[in-house]
Structure formats: C-alpha cells, structure tokens
PDB file of all heavy atoms in Angstrom:
ATOM      1  N   LEU A   1      88.706 160.354  93.760  1.00  0.00           N
ATOM      2  CA  LEU A   1      88.037 160.800  94.986  1.00  0.00           C
ATOM      3  C   LEU A   1      87.526 159.616  95.815  1.00  0.00           C
ATOM      4  O   LEU A   1      86.453 159.666  96.411  1.00  0.00           O
ATOM      5  CB  LEU A   1      86.884 161.758  94.660  1.00  0.00           C
ATOM      6  CG  LEU A   1      87.256 163.028  93.895  1.00  0.00           C
ATOM      7  CD1 LEU A   1      86.032 163.915  93.701  1.00  0.00           C
ATOM      8  CD2 LEU A   1      88.355 163.801  94.603  1.00  0.00           C
ATOM      9  N   GLY A   2      88.316 158.529  95.815  1.00  0.00           N
ATOM     10  CA  GLY A   2      87.996 157.363  96.634  1.00  0.00           C
ATOM     11  C   GLY A   2      87.171 156.298  95.956  1.00  0.00           C
ATOM     12  O   GLY A   2      86.908 155.240  96.549  1.00  0.00           O
ATOM     13  N   TRP A   3      86.749 156.515  94.710  1.00  0.00           N
ATOM     14  CA  TRP A   3      85.893 155.563  94.008  1.00  0.00           C
ATOM     15  C   TRP A   3      86.743 154.499  93.291  1.00  0.00           C
ATOM     16  O   TRP A   3      87.290 154.756  92.219  1.00  0.00           O
ATOM     17  CB  TRP A   3      85.013 156.273  92.977  1.00  0.00           C
ATOM     18  CG  TRP A   3      83.961 157.145  93.567  1.00  0.00           C
ATOM     19  CD1 TRP A   3      84.064 158.469  93.862  1.00  0.00           C
ATOM     20  CD2 TRP A   3      82.630 156.769  93.931  1.00  0.00           C
ATOM     21  NE1 TRP A   3      82.886 158.942  94.375  1.00  0.00           N
ATOM     22  CE2 TRP A   3      81.977 157.924  94.434  1.00  0.00           C
ATOM     23  CE3 TRP A   3      81.921 155.566  93.876  1.00  0.00           C
ATOM     24  CZ2 TRP A   3      80.659 157.916  94.880  1.00  0.00           C
ATOM     25  CZ3 TRP A   3      80.606 155.560  94.313  1.00  0.00           C
ATOM     26  CH2 TRP A   3      79.994 156.708  94.811  1.00  0.00           C
ATOM     27  N   ASP A   4      86.838 153.294  93.869  1.00  0.00           N
ATOM     28  CA  ASP A   4      87.511 152.185  93.178  1.00  0.00           C
ATOM     29  C   ASP A   4      86.590 151.553  92.143  1.00  0.00           C
ATOM     30  O   ASP A   4      87.037 151.044  91.119  1.00  0.00           O
ATOM     31  CB  ASP A   4      87.952 151.117  94.187  1.00  0.00           C
ATOM     32  CG  ASP A   4      89.035 151.622  95.125  1.00  0.00           C
ATOM     33  OD1 ASP A   4      89.862 152.453  94.672  1.00  0.00           O
ATOM     34  OD2 ASP A   4      89.045 151.230  96.305  1.00  0.00           O
ATOM     35  N   THR A   5      85.300 151.552  92.421  1.00  0.00           N
ATOM     36  CA  THR A   5      84.290 151.075  91.467  1.00  0.00           C
ATOM     37  C   THR A   5      83.329 152.225  91.219  1.00  0.00           C
ATOM     38  O   THR A   5      82.275 152.345  91.851  1.00  0.00           O
ATOM     39  CB  THR A   5      83.530 149.853  92.035  1.00  0.00           C
ATOM     40  OG1 THR A   5      84.459 148.853  92.440  1.00  0.00           O
ATOM     41  CG2 THR A   5      82.589 149.273  90.978  1.00  0.00           C
ATOM     42  N   PRO A   6      83.677 153.108  90.298  1.00  0.00           N
ATOM     43  CA  PRO A   6      82.882 154.326  90.113  1.00  0.00           C
ATOM     44  C   PRO A   6      81.496 154.057  89.540  1.00  0.00           C
ATOM     45  O   PRO A   6      81.305 153.154  88.717  1.00  0.00           O
ATOM     46  CB  PRO A   6      83.716 155.159  89.149  1.00  0.00           C
ATOM     47  CG  PRO A   6      84.586 154.170  88.447  1.00  0.00           C
ATOM     48  CD  PRO A   6      84.858 153.079  89.435  1.00  0.00           C
ATOM     49  N   ILE A   7      80.532 154.846  89.956  1.00  0.00           N
ATOM     50  CA  ILE A   7      79.168 154.740  89.448  1.00  0.00           C
ATOM     51  C   ILE A   7      79.142 154.970  87.944  1.00  0.00           C
ATOM     52  O   ILE A   7      78.421 154.306  87.200  1.00  0.00           O
ATOM     53  CB  ILE A   7      78.248 155.739  90.171  1.00  0.00           C
ATOM     54  CG1 ILE A   7      77.969 155.254  91.604  1.00  0.00           C
ATOM     55  CG2 ILE A   7      76.918 155.929  89.415  1.00  0.00           C
ATOM     56  CD1 ILE A   7      77.172 156.232  92.450  1.00  0.00           C
ATOM     57  N   GLY A   8      79.947 155.917  87.467  1.00  0.00           N
ATOM     58  CA  GLY A   8      79.913 156.305  86.062  1.00  0.00           C
ATOM     59  C   GLY A   8      80.803 155.491  85.143  1.00  0.00           C
ATOM     60  O   GLY A   8      81.150 155.969  84.047  1.00  0.00           O
ATOM     61  N   ALA A   9      81.153 154.255  85.520  1.00  0.00           N
ATOM     62  CA  ALA A   9      82.088 153.448  84.728  1.00  0.00           C
ATOM     63  C   ALA A   9      81.622 153.212  83.292  1.00  0.00           C
ATOM     64  O   ALA A   9      82.437 153.071  82.375  1.00  0.00           O
ATOM     65  CB  ALA A   9      82.329 152.105  85.420  1.00  0.00           C
ATOM     66  N   SER A  10      80.321 153.189  83.062  1.00  0.00           N
ATOM     67  CA  SER A  10      79.794 152.953  81.711  1.00  0.00           C
ATOM     68  C   SER A  10      79.860 154.202  80.827  1.00  0.00           C
ATOM     69  O   SER A  10      79.716 154.112  79.615  1.00  0.00           O
ATOM     70  CB  SER A  10      78.339 152.484  81.785  1.00  0.00           C
ATOM     71  OG  SER A  10      77.512 153.516  82.293  1.00  0.00           O
ATOM     72  N   GLY A  11      80.026 155.358  81.439  1.00  0.00           N
ATOM     73  CA  GLY A  11      80.111 156.605  80.683  1.00  0.00           C
ATOM     74  C   GLY A  11      78.800 157.344  80.541  1.00  0.00           C
ATOM     75  O   GLY A  11      78.768 158.567  80.527  1.00  0.00           O
ATOM     76  N   VAL A  12      77.666 156.615  80.415  1.00  0.00           N
ATOM     77  CA  VAL A  12      76.337 157.223  80.280  1.00  0.00           C
ATOM     78  C   VAL A  12      75.337 156.363  81.050  1.00  0.00           C
ATOM     79  O   VAL A  12      75.314 155.141  80.897  1.00  0.00           O
ATOM     80  CB  VAL A  12      75.895 157.333  78.806  1.00  0.00           C
ATOM     81  CG1 VAL A  12      74.451 157.802  78.705  1.00  0.00           C
ATOM     82  CG2 VAL A  12      76.818 158.282  78.033  1.00  0.00           C
ATOM     83  N   ILE A  13      74.496 157.005  81.866  1.00  0.00           N
ATOM     84  CA  ILE A  13      73.499 156.297  82.673  1.00  0.00           C
ATOM     85  C   ILE A  13      72.148 157.006  82.565  1.00  0.00           C
ATOM     86  O   ILE A  13      72.081 158.231  82.604  1.00  0.00           O
ATOM     87  CB  ILE A  13      73.900 156.222  84.161  1.00  0.00           C
ATOM     88  CG1 ILE A  13      75.257 155.524  84.336  1.00  0.00           C
ATOM     89  CG2 ILE A  13      72.836 155.501  84.980  1.00  0.00           C
ATOM     90  CD1 ILE A  13      75.761 155.532  85.769  1.00  0.00           C
ATOM     91  N   ILE A  14      71.079 156.221  82.459  1.00  0.00           N
ATOM     92  CA  ILE A  14      69.712 156.728  82.558  1.00  0.00           C
ATOM     93  C   ILE A  14      69.171 156.328  83.932  1.00  0.00           C
ATOM     94  O   ILE A  14      69.314 155.171  84.351  1.00  0.00           O
ATOM     95  CB  ILE A  14      68.819 156.152  81.451  1.00  0.00           C
ATOM     96  CG1 ILE A  14      69.419 156.440  80.075  1.00  0.00           C
ATOM     97  CG2 ILE A  14      67.410 156.747  81.538  1.00  0.00           C
ATOM     98  CD1 ILE A  14      68.669 155.770  78.937  1.00  0.00           C
ATOM     99  N   TRP A  15      68.536 157.270  84.618  1.00  0.00           N
ATOM    100  CA  TRP A  15      68.031 157.068  85.980  1.00  0.00           C
ATOM    101  C   TRP A  15      66.516 157.267  86.003  1.00  0.00           C
ATOM    102  O   TRP A  15      65.965 158.034  85.218  1.00  0.00           O
ATOM    103  CB  TRP A  15      68.652 158.088  86.928  1.00  0.00           C
ATOM    104  CG  TRP A  15      70.156 158.156  86.914  1.00  0.00           C
ATOM    105  CD1 TRP A  15      70.955 158.718  85.944  1.00  0.00           C
ATOM    106  CD2 TRP A  15      71.038 157.670  87.926  1.00  0.00           C
ATOM    107  NE1 TRP A  15      72.272 158.609  86.298  1.00  0.00           N
ATOM    108  CE2 TRP A  15      72.359 157.974  87.504  1.00  0.00           C
ATOM    109  CE3 TRP A  15      70.854 157.019  89.147  1.00  0.00           C
ATOM    110  CZ2 TRP A  15      73.465 157.642  88.263  1.00  0.00           C
ATOM    111  CZ3 TRP A  15      71.971 156.692  89.910  1.00  0.00           C
ATOM    112  CH2 TRP A  15      73.262 156.994  89.468  1.00  0.00           C
ATOM    113  N   ASP A  16      65.862 156.588  86.963  1.00  0.00           N
ATOM    114  CA  ASP A  16      64.434 156.819  87.141  1.00  0.00           C
ATOM    115  C   ASP A  16      64.211 158.021  88.050  1.00  0.00           C
ATOM    116  O   ASP A  16      65.166 158.674  88.491  1.00  0.00           O
ATOM    117  CB  ASP A  16      63.707 155.567  87.653  1.00  0.00           C
ATOM    118  CG  ASP A  16      64.082 155.189  89.092  1.00  0.00           C
ATOM    119  OD1 ASP A  16      64.674 156.018  89.816  1.00  0.00           O
ATOM    120  OD2 ASP A  16      63.770 154.054  89.499  1.00  0.00           O
ATOM    121  N   ASP A  17      62.962 158.331  88.348  1.00  0.00           N
ATOM    122  CA  ASP A  17      62.660 159.540  89.104  1.00  0.00           C
ATOM    123  C   ASP A  17      62.962 159.421  90.593  1.00  0.00           C
ATOM    124  O   ASP A  17      62.798 160.378  91.345  1.00  0.00           O
ATOM    125  CB  ASP A  17      61.197 159.946  88.907  1.00  0.00           C
ATOM    126  CG  ASP A  17      60.225 158.863  89.352  1.00  0.00           C
ATOM    127  OD1 ASP A  17      60.672 157.772  89.751  1.00  0.00           O
ATOM    128  OD2 ASP A  17      59.005 159.105  89.285  1.00  0.00           O
ATOM    129  N   LYS A  18      63.449 158.261  91.029  1.00  0.00           N
ATOM    130  CA  LYS A  18      63.851 158.074  92.425  1.00  0.00           C
ATOM    131  C   LYS A  18      65.368 158.002  92.569  1.00  0.00           C
ATOM    132  O   LYS A  18      65.883 157.731  93.655  1.00  0.00           O
ATOM    133  CB  LYS A  18      63.218 156.784  92.988  1.00  0.00           C
ATOM    134  CG  LYS A  18      61.700 156.766  92.960  1.00  0.00           C
ATOM    135  CD  LYS A  18      61.116 157.827  93.872  1.00  0.00           C
ATOM    136  CE  LYS A  18      59.615 157.670  94.024  1.00  0.00           C
ATOM    137  NZ  LYS A  18      58.875 157.788  92.754  1.00  0.00           N
ATOM    138  N   GLY A  19      66.083 158.198  91.463  1.00  0.00           N
ATOM    139  CA  GLY A  19      67.543 158.133  91.515  1.00  0.00           C
ATOM    140  C   GLY A  19      68.085 156.732  91.419  1.00  0.00           C
ATOM    141  O   GLY A  19      69.203 156.454  91.894  1.00  0.00           O
ATOM    142  N   ASN A  20      67.346 155.798  90.800  1.00  0.00           N
ATOM    143  CA  ASN A  20      67.814 154.426  90.583  1.00  0.00           C
ATOM    144  C   ASN A  20      68.232 154.244  89.128  1.00  0.00           C
ATOM    145  O   ASN A  20      67.537 154.712  88.214  1.00  0.00           O
ATOM    146  CB  ASN A  20      66.695 153.424  90.911  1.00  0.00           C
ATOM    147  CG  ASN A  20      66.207 153.548  92.336  1.00  0.00           C
ATOM    148  OD1 ASN A  20      66.995 153.500  93.278  1.00  0.00           O
ATOM    149  ND2 ASN A  20      64.901 153.728  92.509  1.00  0.00           N
ATOM    150  N   ARG A  21      69.337 153.542  88.918  1.00  0.00           N
ATOM    151  CA  ARG A  21      69.813 153.307  87.558  1.00  0.00           C
ATOM    152  C   ARG A  21      68.895 152.336  86.826  1.00  0.00           C
ATOM    153  O   ARG A  21      68.573 151.269  87.348  1.00  0.00           O
ATOM    154  CB  ARG A  21      71.241 152.757  87.590  1.00  0.00           C
ATOM    155  CG  ARG A  21      72.296 153.803  87.895  1.00  0.00           C
ATOM    156  CD  ARG A  21      73.676 153.213  87.997  1.00  0.00           C
ATOM    157  NE  ARG A  21      73.950 152.739  89.347  1.00  0.00           N
ATOM    158  CZ  ARG A  21      75.122 152.266  89.750  1.00  0.00           C
ATOM    159  NH1 ARG A  21      76.123 152.176  88.885  1.00  0.00           N
ATOM    160  NH2 ARG A  21      75.302 151.879  90.997  1.00  0.00           N
ATOM    161  N   ILE A  22      68.492 152.704  85.596  1.00  0.00           N
ATOM    162  CA  ILE A  22      67.629 151.821  84.817  1.00  0.00           C
ATOM    163  C   ILE A  22      68.281 151.375  83.507  1.00  0.00           C
ATOM    164  O   ILE A  22      67.845 150.415  82.894  1.00  0.00           O
ATOM    165  CB  ILE A  22      66.261 152.476  84.525  1.00  0.00           C
ATOM    166  CG1 ILE A  22      66.412 153.826  83.815  1.00  0.00           C
ATOM    167  CG2 ILE A  22      65.481 152.639  85.806  1.00  0.00           C
ATOM    168  CD1 ILE A  22      65.082 154.479  83.457  1.00  0.00           C
ATOM    169  N   LYS A  23      69.342 152.081  83.064  1.00  0.00           N
ATOM    170  CA  LYS A  23      70.046 151.664  81.864  1.00  0.00           C
ATOM    171  C   LYS A  23      71.420 152.306  81.848  1.00  0.00           C
ATOM    172  O   LYS A  23      71.585 153.458  82.280  1.00  0.00           O
ATOM    173  CB  LYS A  23      69.283 152.070  80.597  1.00  0.00           C
ATOM    174  CG  LYS A  23      69.948 151.594  79.307  1.00  0.00           C
ATOM    175  CD  LYS A  23      69.185 152.023  78.058  1.00  0.00           C
ATOM    176  CE  LYS A  23      69.927 151.575  76.806  1.00  0.00           C
ATOM    177  NZ  LYS A  23      69.231 151.996  75.558  1.00  0.00           N
ATOM    178  N   GLU A  24      72.424 151.555  81.340  1.00  0.00           N
ATOM    179  CA  GLU A  24      73.765 152.088  81.177  1.00  0.00           C
ATOM    180  C   GLU A  24      74.254 151.815  79.769  1.00  0.00           C
ATOM    181  O   GLU A  24      73.839 150.848  79.125  1.00  0.00           O
ATOM    182  CB  GLU A  24      74.721 151.468  82.205  1.00  0.00           C
ATOM    183  CG  GLU A  24      74.294 151.704  83.642  1.00  0.00           C
ATOM    184  CD  GLU A  24      75.356 151.325  84.653  1.00  0.00           C
ATOM    185  OE1 GLU A  24      76.555 151.425  84.316  1.00  0.00           O
ATOM    186  OE2 GLU A  24      74.992 150.923  85.772  1.00  0.00           O
ATOM    187  N   ALA A  25      75.134 152.678  79.278  1.00  0.00           N
ATOM    188  CA  ALA A  25      75.704 152.488  77.947  1.00  0.00           C
ATOM    189  C   ALA A  25      76.541 151.217  77.914  1.00  0.00           C
ATOM    190  O   ALA A  25      77.139 150.818  78.921  1.00  0.00           O
ATOM    191  CB  ALA A  25      76.561 153.690  77.572  1.00  0.00           C
ATOM    192  N   SER A  26      76.595 150.579  76.748  1.00  0.00           N
ATOM    193  CA  SER A  26      77.314 149.312  76.607  1.00  0.00           C
ATOM    194  C   SER A  26      78.400 149.415  75.546  1.00  0.00           C
ATOM    195  O   SER A  26      78.571 148.515  74.731  1.00  0.00           O
ATOM    196  CB  SER A  26      76.341 148.189  76.246  1.00  0.00           C
ATOM    197  OG  SER A  26      75.642 148.495  75.051  1.00  0.00           O
ATOM    198  N   ARG A  27      79.113 150.523  75.536  1.00  0.00           N
ATOM    199  CA  ARG A  27      80.218 150.707  74.601  1.00  0.00           C
ATOM    200  C   ARG A  27      81.398 151.315  75.357  1.00  0.00           C
ATOM    201  O   ARG A  27      81.256 151.709  76.510  1.00  0.00           O
ATOM    202  CB  ARG A  27      79.802 151.577  73.420  1.00  0.00           C
ATOM    203  CG  ARG A  27      79.231 152.921  73.807  1.00  0.00           C
ATOM    204  CD  ARG A  27      78.793 153.706  72.579  1.00  0.00           C
ATOM    205  NE  ARG A  27      77.605 153.117  71.959  1.00  0.00           N
ATOM    206  CZ  ARG A  27      77.410 153.091  70.641  1.00  0.00           C
ATOM    207  NH1 ARG A  27      78.315 153.603  69.833  1.00  0.00           N
ATOM    208  NH2 ARG A  27      76.313 152.566  70.135  1.00  0.00           N
ATOM    209  N   ASN A  28      82.542 151.389  74.744  1.00  0.00           N
ATOM    210  CA  ASN A  28      83.744 151.885  75.415  1.00  0.00           C
ATOM    211  C   ASN A  28      83.779 153.409  75.396  1.00  0.00           C
ATOM    212  O   ASN A  28      84.327 154.028  74.485  1.00  0.00           O
ATOM    213  CB  ASN A  28      85.000 151.328  74.748  1.00  0.00           C
ATOM    214  CG  ASN A  28      85.131 149.833  74.943  1.00  0.00           C
ATOM    215  OD1 ASN A  28      84.764 149.293  75.990  1.00  0.00           O
ATOM    216  ND2 ASN A  28      85.636 149.143  73.937  1.00  0.00           N
ATOM    217  N   ILE A  29      83.187 153.997  76.427  1.00  0.00           N
ATOM    218  CA  ILE A  29      83.165 155.453  76.566  1.00  0.00           C
ATOM    219  C   ILE A  29      84.204 155.835  77.607  1.00  0.00           C
ATOM    220  O   ILE A  29      84.093 155.462  78.771  1.00  0.00           O
ATOM    221  CB  ILE A  29      81.776 155.946  76.983  1.00  0.00           C
ATOM    222  CG1 ILE A  29      80.730 155.565  75.933  1.00  0.00           C
ATOM    223  CG2 ILE A  29      81.782 157.443  77.225  1.00  0.00           C
ATOM    224  CD1 ILE A  29      79.301 155.837  76.353  1.00  0.00           C
ATOM    225  N   TYR A  30      85.212 156.576  77.200  1.00  0.00           N
ATOM    226  CA  TYR A  30      86.230 157.038  78.134  1.00  0.00           C
ATOM    227  C   TYR A  30      85.892 158.419  78.687  1.00  0.00           C
ATOM    228  O   TYR A  30      86.377 158.800  79.749  1.00  0.00           O
ATOM    229  CB  TYR A  30      87.601 157.086  77.454  1.00  0.00           C
ATOM    230  CG  TYR A  30      88.040 155.769  76.855  1.00  0.00           C
ATOM    231  CD1 TYR A  30      88.770 155.734  75.684  1.00  0.00           C
ATOM    232  CD2 TYR A  30      87.710 154.557  77.460  1.00  0.00           C
ATOM    233  CE1 TYR A  30      89.169 154.522  75.121  1.00  0.00           C
ATOM    234  CE2 TYR A  30      88.093 153.344  76.907  1.00  0.00           C
ATOM    235  CZ  TYR A  30      88.828 153.336  75.739  1.00  0.00           C
ATOM    236  OH  TYR A  30      89.210 152.140  75.186  1.00  0.00           O
ATOM    237  N   ASP A  31      85.072 159.151  77.956  1.00  0.00           N
ATOM    238  CA  ASP A  31      84.706 160.499  78.364  1.00  0.00           C
ATOM    239  C   ASP A  31      83.515 160.917  77.511  1.00  0.00           C
ATOM    240  O   ASP A  31      83.606 160.930  76.284  1.00  0.00           O
ATOM    241  CB  ASP A  31      85.893 161.448  78.129  1.00  0.00           C
ATOM    242  CG  ASP A  31      85.734 162.782  78.841  1.00  0.00           C
ATOM    243  OD1 ASP A  31      84.606 163.320  78.841  1.00  0.00           O
ATOM    244  OD2 ASP A  31      86.726 163.300  79.377  1.00  0.00           O
ATOM    245  N   CYS A  32      82.398 161.223  78.148  1.00  0.00           N
ATOM    246  CA  CYS A  32      81.224 161.712  77.409  1.00  0.00           C
ATOM    247  C   CYS A  32      81.382 163.219  77.249  1.00  0.00           C
ATOM    248  O   CYS A  32      81.160 163.981  78.179  1.00  0.00           O
ATOM    249  CB  CYS A  32      79.940 161.377  78.161  1.00  0.00           C
ATOM    250  SG  CYS A  32      78.432 161.886  77.297  1.00  0.00           S
ATOM    251  N   TYR A  33      81.780 163.641  76.056  1.00  0.00           N
ATOM    252  CA  TYR A  33      82.098 165.047  75.822  1.00  0.00           C
ATOM    253  C   TYR A  33      80.870 165.947  75.765  1.00  0.00           C
ATOM    254  O   TYR A  33      80.932 167.101  76.179  1.00  0.00           O
ATOM    255  CB  TYR A  33      82.871 165.176  74.510  1.00  0.00           C
ATOM    256  CG  TYR A  33      84.369 165.059  74.631  1.00  0.00           C
ATOM    257  CD1 TYR A  33      84.953 164.253  75.616  1.00  0.00           C
ATOM    258  CD2 TYR A  33      85.212 165.734  73.773  1.00  0.00           C
ATOM    259  CE1 TYR A  33      86.323 164.125  75.726  1.00  0.00           C
ATOM    260  CE2 TYR A  33      86.592 165.623  73.870  1.00  0.00           C
ATOM    261  CZ  TYR A  33      87.144 164.819  74.849  1.00  0.00           C
ATOM    262  OH  TYR A  33      88.514 164.705  74.953  1.00  0.00           O
ATOM    263  N   ALA A  34      79.785 165.443  75.214  1.00  0.00           N
ATOM    264  CA  ALA A  34      78.592 166.285  75.040  1.00  0.00           C
ATOM    265  C   ALA A  34      77.356 165.416  74.921  1.00  0.00           C
ATOM    266  O   ALA A  34      77.435 164.239  74.543  1.00  0.00           O
ATOM    267  CB  ALA A  34      78.735 167.175  73.797  1.00  0.00           C
ATOM    268  N   MET A  35      76.198 166.024  75.228  1.00  0.00           N
ATOM    269  CA  MET A  35      74.933 165.279  75.239  1.00  0.00           C
ATOM    270  C   MET A  35      73.802 166.222  74.885  1.00  0.00           C
ATOM    271  O   MET A  35      73.910 167.438  75.031  1.00  0.00           O
ATOM    272  CB  MET A  35      74.719 164.657  76.625  1.00  0.00           C
ATOM    273  CG  MET A  35      73.467 163.820  76.776  1.00  0.00           C
ATOM    274  SD  MET A  35      73.304 163.127  78.456  1.00  0.00           S
ATOM    275  CE  MET A  35      74.594 161.863  78.404  1.00  0.00           C
ATOM    276  N   ASN A  36      72.696 165.650  74.424  1.00  0.00           N
ATOM    277  CA  ASN A  36      71.479 166.404  74.184  1.00  0.00           C
ATOM    278  C   ASN A  36      70.301 165.438  74.211  1.00  0.00           C
ATOM    279  O   ASN A  36      70.484 164.225  74.073  1.00  0.00           O
ATOM    280  CB  ASN A  36      71.537 167.128  72.834  1.00  0.00           C
ATOM    281  CG  ASN A  36      70.687 168.386  72.818  1.00  0.00           C
ATOM    282  OD1 ASN A  36      69.671 168.466  73.498  1.00  0.00           O
ATOM    283  ND2 ASN A  36      71.103 169.370  72.039  1.00  0.00           N
ATOM    284  N   ILE A  37      69.113 165.981  74.406  1.00  0.00           N
ATOM    285  CA  ILE A  37      67.864 165.224  74.358  1.00  0.00           C
ATOM    286  C   ILE A  37      67.018 165.837  73.256  1.00  0.00           C
ATOM    287  O   ILE A  37      66.763 167.047  73.268  1.00  0.00           O
ATOM    288  CB  ILE A  37      67.088 165.294  75.690  1.00  0.00           C
ATOM    289  CG1 ILE A  37      68.000 164.984  76.884  1.00  0.00           C
ATOM    290  CG2 ILE A  37      65.881 164.367  75.654  1.00  0.00           C
ATOM    291  CD1 ILE A  37      68.535 163.577  76.924  1.00  0.00           C
TER     292      ILE A  37
END
C-alpha cells in the first residue's frame, strides 16, 4: 500500500499515549500471529 519503509518492519511495537514509538522488537518477526497482555 505504498510503504517502502513500513512502520511495522520490526513486527512488534510499543507506543506511548501520544502515538510515539518507544520500543520495537529486535528479532526476525515475519508475522505476529497472536498477542496478549
């Protein structure tokens, strides 16, 4: 959909309450199939 450098390249991202990225996963994630907190 036009994203040459996609936001989700790391596979998992944690965001702050203003919508700013504060942490990204550092492993080879091709698809995050499921998640829970």
